[in-house]
């Protein structure tokens, strides 16, 4: 179970990853792969991209003793189809977290599941997936093995940006990329919708909230691996 305070579980987290206080060489470190999206449609800024730029400055990799790989994806079904399976093969990640912007929220929304069909929103190239399907023959719904309700509770207890669990990722590029990763490994895949940048909510504020979310999700994956 995710503990209620980071000070309470960080020691256990470090020992779970390394076995002691020493830090392995970078190529031996567990990998967390995090993606955001570039600008889309008529939105001048994508808060997922800007927040991940700030997340890189928070030294989260050193705190978690892992390697964090951050990538900004173009809003293109075709590009994502090519990139995501290759990254799973190349990085063999301990955890994959996709991040996207949700325009009508002020919270971090942790998506529990993704659908294979029904993708009817055009990407930046005015393209759709063939037959509006992510993976032909794939399961209609794949649910993450990570308990997003539990992770959300940990975020609400430890962070300044509130969180909630969602079961509707939107049937656009966000849910599409999430389904691709869930198809690879449902026990290591997560998606977070972040709010837009506004006058009272900066990219740095969102990044700070994301850092708490990454720690909560990573802790849960480590505990699942130990079972």
Protein backbone atom coordinates (compact mmCIF):
# COMPACT_ATOMS: atom_id res chain seq x y z
CA UNK A 1 0.00 0.00 0.00
CA UNK A 2 1.22 3.53 -0.70
CA UNK A 3 2.19 5.16 2.57
CA UNK A 4 0.76 8.48 3.61
CA UNK A 5 4.00 10.50 3.71
CA UNK A 6 7.05 10.51 1.48
CA UNK A 7 9.36 10.78 4.47
CA UNK A 8 7.89 7.51 5.67
CA UNK A 9 8.47 5.52 2.53
CA UNK A 10 11.49 7.04 0.81
CA UNK A 11 13.93 4.89 2.80
CA UNK A 12 12.07 1.77 1.80
CA UNK A 13 11.83 3.01 -1.76
CA UNK A 14 15.60 3.42 -2.01
CA UNK A 15 16.30 -0.01 -0.54
CA UNK A 16 13.78 -1.62 -2.90
CA UNK A 17 15.55 -0.11 -5.89
CA UNK A 18 19.18 -0.55 -4.91
CA UNK A 19 19.43 -2.88 -1.94
CA UNK A 20 21.66 -0.33 -0.22
CA UNK A 21 22.53 3.35 -0.30
CA UNK A 22 24.94 3.13 -3.24
CA UNK A 23 23.84 4.29 -6.67
CA UNK A 24 24.35 1.90 -9.63
CA UNK A 25 25.82 3.05 -12.91
CA UNK A 26 23.29 4.79 -15.15
CA UNK A 27 22.84 1.85 -17.52
CA UNK A 28 21.88 -0.34 -14.54
CA UNK A 29 19.29 2.06 -13.16
CA UNK A 30 15.58 1.33 -13.56
CA UNK A 31 13.98 3.57 -16.20
CA UNK A 32 10.88 5.72 -15.94
CA UNK A 33 9.79 6.86 -19.40
CA UNK A 34 7.58 9.97 -19.36
CA UNK A 35 5.98 11.56 -22.39
CA UNK A 36 4.11 14.79 -23.03
CA UNK A 37 2.61 16.31 -26.17
CA UNK A 38 3.48 19.29 -28.31
CA UNK A 39 0.91 21.93 -29.25
CA UNK A 40 -2.29 20.72 -30.86
CA UNK A 41 -5.21 22.22 -32.76
CA UNK A 42 -5.67 25.89 -31.83
CA UNK A 43 -4.20 25.72 -28.33
CA UNK A 44 -1.12 28.00 -28.22
CA UNK A 45 0.52 26.02 -25.39
CA UNK A 46 0.35 22.41 -24.27
CA UNK A 47 0.74 22.35 -20.51
CA UNK A 48 2.05 18.76 -20.59
CA UNK A 49 5.07 19.87 -22.61
CA UNK A 50 5.79 22.93 -20.49
CA UNK A 51 5.35 21.05 -17.20
CA UNK A 52 7.72 18.27 -18.27
CA UNK A 53 10.37 20.85 -19.12
CA UNK A 54 10.12 22.06 -15.53
CA UNK A 55 10.02 18.51 -14.17
CA UNK A 56 13.49 17.94 -15.61
CA UNK A 57 14.80 20.63 -13.26
CA UNK A 58 13.53 18.97 -10.07
CA UNK A 59 16.18 16.19 -9.84
CA UNK A 60 13.49 13.57 -9.41
CA UNK A 61 15.81 10.95 -10.89
CA UNK A 62 18.27 11.46 -8.05
CA UNK A 63 15.55 11.24 -5.42
CA UNK A 64 14.17 8.02 -6.87
CA UNK A 65 17.58 6.65 -7.88
CA UNK A 66 16.41 5.83 -11.38
CA UNK A 67 16.86 7.13 -14.93
CA UNK A 68 14.04 9.33 -16.13
CA UNK A 69 13.65 9.66 -19.89
CA UNK A 70 11.35 12.48 -20.98
CA UNK A 71 10.08 12.81 -24.53
CA UNK A 72 7.67 15.27 -26.14
CA UNK A 73 5.53 13.54 -28.76
CA UNK A 74 3.95 15.16 -31.78
CA UNK A 75 0.16 14.98 -31.98
CA UNK A 76 0.25 12.34 -34.70
CA UNK A 77 -1.30 8.87 -34.59
CA UNK A 78 1.22 7.62 -37.16
CA UNK A 79 4.26 8.91 -35.26
CA UNK A 80 3.05 7.50 -31.96
CA UNK A 81 2.40 4.10 -33.53
CA UNK A 82 6.04 3.99 -34.52
CA UNK A 83 7.60 5.50 -31.40
CA UNK A 84 5.90 3.80 -28.45
CA UNK A 85 6.61 0.10 -29.21
CA UNK A 86 10.22 0.98 -30.03
CA UNK A 87 10.66 2.81 -26.71
CA UNK A 88 9.31 -0.16 -24.76
CA UNK A 89 11.81 -2.42 -26.54
CA UNK A 90 14.72 -0.01 -26.24
CA UNK A 91 14.28 1.23 -22.66
CA UNK A 92 12.61 -1.78 -21.00
CA UNK A 93 11.06 0.69 -18.57
CA UNK A 94 10.07 -0.04 -15.03
CA UNK A 95 7.24 2.48 -15.47
CA UNK A 96 5.76 4.46 -18.38
CA UNK A 97 3.76 7.61 -17.66
CA UNK A 98 2.08 9.50 -20.47
CA UNK A 99 1.01 13.06 -19.74
CA UNK A 100 -1.50 15.14 -21.68
CA UNK A 101 -3.49 18.34 -21.25
CA UNK A 102 -7.16 18.32 -20.27
CA UNK A 103 -8.76 21.68 -20.80
CA UNK A 104 -11.62 21.49 -18.30
CA UNK A 105 -9.92 20.41 -15.08
CA UNK A 106 -7.87 21.96 -12.30
CA UNK A 107 -6.60 18.60 -11.00
CA UNK A 108 -4.24 15.83 -11.97
CA UNK A 109 -6.56 13.23 -13.47
CA UNK A 110 -5.16 9.69 -13.25
CA UNK A 111 -6.68 7.61 -16.04
CA UNK A 112 -7.46 4.02 -15.10
CA UNK A 113 -8.17 2.55 -18.55
CA UNK A 114 -8.09 3.03 -22.32
CA UNK A 115 -10.25 1.84 -25.23
CA UNK A 116 -9.18 0.28 -28.50
CA UNK A 117 -11.89 1.75 -30.73
CA UNK A 118 -13.79 4.97 -31.33
CA UNK A 119 -10.96 7.37 -32.22
CA UNK A 120 -12.77 10.03 -34.25
CA UNK A 121 -10.77 13.20 -33.46
CA UNK A 122 -8.26 14.35 -36.05
CA UNK A 123 -4.61 14.75 -35.12
CA UNK A 124 -2.50 17.77 -36.17
CA UNK A 125 -2.21 16.32 -39.69
CA UNK A 126 -6.00 15.88 -39.94
CA UNK A 127 -5.48 12.12 -39.86
CA UNK A 128 -7.33 9.36 -38.02
CA UNK A 129 -6.29 5.80 -37.19
CA UNK A 130 -7.40 3.28 -39.80
CA UNK A 131 -10.97 2.22 -38.99
CA UNK A 132 -10.71 4.40 -35.84
CA UNK A 133 -8.90 1.53 -34.10
CA UNK A 134 -5.69 1.57 -32.11
CA UNK A 135 -4.60 -2.08 -32.45
CA UNK A 136 -6.62 -4.39 -34.76
CA UNK A 137 -7.77 -7.41 -32.78
CA UNK A 138 -6.81 -5.87 -29.45
CA UNK A 139 -8.95 -5.99 -26.33
CA UNK A 140 -11.71 -3.39 -26.35
CA UNK A 141 -10.69 -2.03 -22.94
CA UNK A 142 -7.42 -2.45 -21.08
CA UNK A 143 -7.31 -1.36 -17.45
CA UNK A 144 -4.04 -0.47 -15.78
CA UNK A 145 -2.88 -2.81 -13.04
CA UNK A 146 -1.85 0.27 -11.08
CA UNK A 147 -4.60 1.35 -8.69
CA UNK A 148 -5.14 4.98 -9.68
CA UNK A 149 -7.49 5.58 -6.76
CA UNK A 150 -4.72 4.64 -4.33
CA UNK A 151 -2.18 6.74 -6.20
CA UNK A 152 -4.58 9.68 -6.24
CA UNK A 153 -5.05 9.44 -2.50
CA UNK A 154 -1.28 9.54 -1.99
CA UNK A 155 -1.03 12.62 -4.22
CA UNK A 156 -3.79 14.39 -2.31
CA UNK A 157 -2.05 13.67 0.99
CA UNK A 158 1.41 14.77 -0.13
CA UNK A 159 1.02 17.34 -2.90
CA UNK A 160 -0.35 20.82 -3.38
CA UNK A 161 -2.14 20.03 -6.66
CA UNK A 162 -5.17 17.83 -6.09
CA UNK A 163 -5.82 14.59 -7.96
CA UNK A 164 -8.68 12.31 -8.91
CA UNK A 165 -9.17 9.01 -10.74
CA UNK A 166 -10.81 8.96 -14.17
CA UNK A 167 -12.18 6.20 -16.39
CA UNK A 168 -12.63 8.35 -19.52
CA UNK A 169 -9.40 9.39 -21.21
CA UNK A 170 -11.17 11.09 -24.11
CA UNK A 171 -10.79 8.87 -27.24
CA UNK A 172 -8.18 11.20 -28.72
CA UNK A 173 -4.38 11.07 -28.93
CA UNK A 174 -4.06 10.79 -25.13
CA UNK A 175 -6.15 7.65 -24.83
CA UNK A 176 -4.56 6.29 -28.00
CA UNK A 177 -1.00 6.47 -26.66
CA UNK A 178 -2.17 5.07 -23.34
CA UNK A 179 -3.76 2.05 -25.02
CA UNK A 180 -0.51 1.38 -26.92
CA UNK A 181 1.42 1.24 -23.65
CA UNK A 182 -1.22 -0.75 -21.78
CA UNK A 183 -1.04 -3.25 -24.63
CA UNK A 184 2.71 -3.55 -23.95
CA UNK A 185 2.44 -3.94 -20.16
CA UNK A 186 -0.66 -2.98 -18.18
CA UNK A 187 1.20 -3.33 -14.88
CA UNK A 188 3.69 -0.57 -15.76
CA UNK A 189 1.58 1.97 -17.63
CA UNK A 190 -0.12 5.13 -16.44
CA UNK A 191 -1.64 8.27 -17.91
CA UNK A 192 -2.03 11.65 -16.22
CA UNK A 193 -4.15 14.48 -17.58
CA UNK A 194 -2.89 17.84 -16.36
CA UNK A 195 -4.76 21.16 -16.26
CA UNK A 196 -3.94 24.02 -18.61
CA UNK A 197 -1.53 26.76 -17.58
CA UNK A 198 -3.45 29.72 -16.22
CA UNK A 199 -2.80 32.93 -14.32
CA UNK A 200 -2.95 31.13 -10.97
CA UNK A 201 -1.36 27.84 -12.13
CA UNK A 202 2.10 27.84 -13.70
CA UNK A 203 4.05 25.13 -15.49
CA UNK A 204 6.24 24.90 -12.38
CA UNK A 205 3.16 24.30 -10.19
CA UNK A 206 2.04 21.48 -12.46
CA UNK A 207 5.56 20.02 -12.53
CA UNK A 208 5.67 19.97 -8.74
CA UNK A 209 2.37 18.10 -8.71
CA UNK A 210 3.63 15.69 -11.35
CA UNK A 211 6.71 14.93 -9.28
CA UNK A 212 4.49 13.80 -6.42
CA UNK A 213 2.42 11.72 -8.84
CA UNK A 214 5.48 10.05 -10.37
CA UNK A 215 6.73 9.06 -6.91
CA UNK A 216 3.35 7.64 -5.91
CA UNK A 217 2.99 5.63 -9.13
CA UNK A 218 6.57 4.39 -8.99
CA UNK A 219 6.22 3.29 -5.38
CA UNK A 220 3.16 1.24 -6.28
CA UNK A 221 4.93 -0.44 -9.21
CA UNK A 222 7.85 -1.36 -6.97
CA UNK A 223 5.51 -2.85 -4.41
CA UNK A 224 3.67 -4.83 -7.10
CA UNK A 225 7.03 -6.18 -8.31
CA UNK A 226 7.82 -7.41 -4.81
CA UNK A 227 4.63 -9.44 -4.54
